[in-house]
Protein backbone atom coordinates (compact mmCIF):
# COMPACT_ATOMS: atom_id res chain seq x y z
CA MET A 1 129.26 154.01 -4.48
CA ALA A 2 131.66 153.43 -7.67
CA ARG A 3 129.64 151.60 -10.70
CA VAL A 4 128.31 148.19 -10.07
CA LEU A 5 129.55 146.23 -13.43
CA ARG A 6 128.62 143.68 -15.67
CA GLY A 7 130.46 140.29 -14.82
CA GLU A 8 131.96 141.51 -11.39
CA ILE A 9 131.32 139.68 -8.36
CA ARG A 10 130.73 141.79 -5.39
CA TRP A 11 129.37 140.94 -1.75
CA ALA A 12 125.59 141.02 -1.13
CA ASP A 13 123.03 141.15 1.59
CA LEU A 14 120.89 139.01 0.59
CA ASN A 15 118.30 138.82 3.76
CA PRO A 16 115.41 138.59 4.05
CA VAL A 17 114.64 135.42 2.14
CA ARG A 18 112.06 133.17 2.22
CA GLY A 19 111.76 129.03 1.30
CA SER A 20 115.19 127.65 -0.20
CA GLU A 21 116.52 131.35 -1.17
CA GLN A 22 120.25 131.80 -0.26
CA ALA A 23 120.75 133.93 2.47
CA GLY A 24 123.31 135.93 4.25
CA ASN A 25 126.07 138.53 3.32
CA ARG A 26 127.34 136.23 0.48
CA PRO A 27 129.59 136.68 -2.99
CA VAL A 28 126.84 137.41 -6.29
CA LEU A 29 127.66 137.92 -9.97
CA ILE A 30 126.36 140.55 -11.62
CA LEU A 31 124.66 139.89 -15.15
CA SER A 32 122.67 142.62 -15.82
CA HIS A 33 123.90 145.46 -18.31
CA ASP A 34 126.06 148.67 -17.26
CA VAL A 35 123.32 150.44 -18.58
CA PHE A 36 120.39 148.96 -16.77
CA ASN A 37 122.37 149.20 -13.03
CA ASP A 38 123.23 152.64 -13.82
CA ARG A 39 119.24 153.71 -14.08
CA SER A 40 117.21 151.07 -12.43
CA GLY A 41 118.45 151.19 -9.02
CA THR A 42 119.15 147.67 -9.47
CA VAL A 43 121.37 144.63 -10.25
CA ILE A 44 120.27 141.76 -11.82
CA ALA A 45 122.72 138.93 -9.96
CA VAL A 46 123.02 135.43 -9.25
CA ALA A 47 124.30 133.92 -5.94
CA LEU A 48 127.40 132.04 -4.93
CA THR A 49 128.19 129.74 -2.38
CA SER A 50 131.44 128.01 -1.71
CA GLN A 51 129.55 124.90 -0.90
CA PRO A 52 130.94 122.05 -2.81
CA GLN A 53 127.71 121.38 -5.42
CA ARG A 54 125.80 117.90 -6.57
CA ALA A 55 123.41 119.03 -8.96
CA GLY A 56 125.45 120.10 -12.42
CA PHE A 57 125.44 122.31 -15.35
CA PRO A 58 122.84 124.01 -15.94
CA LEU A 59 121.79 124.43 -11.87
CA THR A 60 125.18 124.81 -10.98
CA LEU A 61 128.47 126.10 -12.22
CA GLU A 62 131.96 126.12 -10.62
CA LEU A 63 133.65 129.51 -10.70
CA PRO A 64 137.52 129.22 -10.63
CA SER A 65 138.25 132.74 -10.33
CA LYS A 66 141.65 133.48 -8.89
CA ASN A 67 139.79 136.57 -7.09
CA LEU A 68 137.61 134.70 -4.59
CA PRO A 69 138.87 133.74 -1.30
CA LYS A 70 137.03 130.48 -1.80
CA ARG A 71 136.08 127.77 -4.22
CA SER A 72 132.72 128.65 -5.37
CA TRP A 73 130.43 127.67 -7.20
CA VAL A 74 127.58 129.91 -9.29
CA LYS A 75 124.20 129.11 -8.31
CA ILE A 76 122.11 130.00 -11.87
CA SER A 77 118.54 128.68 -10.56
CA GLN A 78 119.53 131.65 -7.61
CA ILE A 79 118.92 134.40 -9.86
CA ARG A 80 117.49 137.67 -8.38
CA THR A 81 116.98 141.38 -8.71
CA LEU A 82 118.66 143.57 -6.01
CA ALA A 83 118.14 147.27 -4.82
CA ILE A 84 121.60 148.94 -5.66
CA GLU A 85 122.02 149.25 -1.36
CA ARG A 86 122.18 146.09 -1.00
CA ILE A 87 125.46 146.14 -2.84
CA GLY A 88 129.08 145.75 -1.32
CA PRO A 89 132.67 145.52 -2.11
CA ARG A 90 134.09 144.15 -5.23
CA LEU A 91 135.52 140.79 -4.78
CA GLY A 92 136.92 139.79 -8.32
CA ARG A 93 135.68 139.56 -12.25
CA ALA A 94 134.54 136.89 -14.04
CA THR A 95 136.14 135.90 -17.27
CA PRO A 96 134.07 136.81 -20.58
CA GLU A 97 133.74 132.73 -21.05
CA GLU A 98 132.45 132.38 -17.27
CA LEU A 99 129.75 134.62 -17.88
CA ALA A 100 128.59 133.41 -21.38
CA GLN A 101 128.39 130.01 -19.76
CA VAL A 102 126.42 131.20 -16.70
CA ILE A 103 123.97 132.96 -19.06
CA ASP A 104 123.98 129.70 -21.25
CA GLY A 105 122.90 128.22 -17.47
CA LEU A 106 120.38 130.43 -17.53
CA ASN A 107 118.85 130.16 -20.75
CA GLU A 108 118.63 126.31 -20.56
CA ILE A 109 116.71 126.91 -16.91
CA ILE A 110 113.91 129.87 -18.44
CA GLY A 111 114.15 128.64 -22.38
CA SER A 112 115.40 130.82 -24.83
């Protein structure tokens, strides 16, 4: 498999899940650094959804990437560590500014 890089948007298999976790095959935004991804066999990612979101920042952030097939929102509260085997093909890449906004939202939720 090709390297999984920070800022990439990739398909991922999020099943099985429990409770209110995002399920199914869906795009995720990779947050973890490349060295972590290479060495750990896992990645840290947040799920995307194509369903319009009522909750605003910091819980969700619209991702206006031209590479995505549908209008999408990052569900910042849906952060997960995923085995590299769950990660599929690349869909695109977030801009550095978009990635920074997601990290800012995560810091709002968990505290910095």
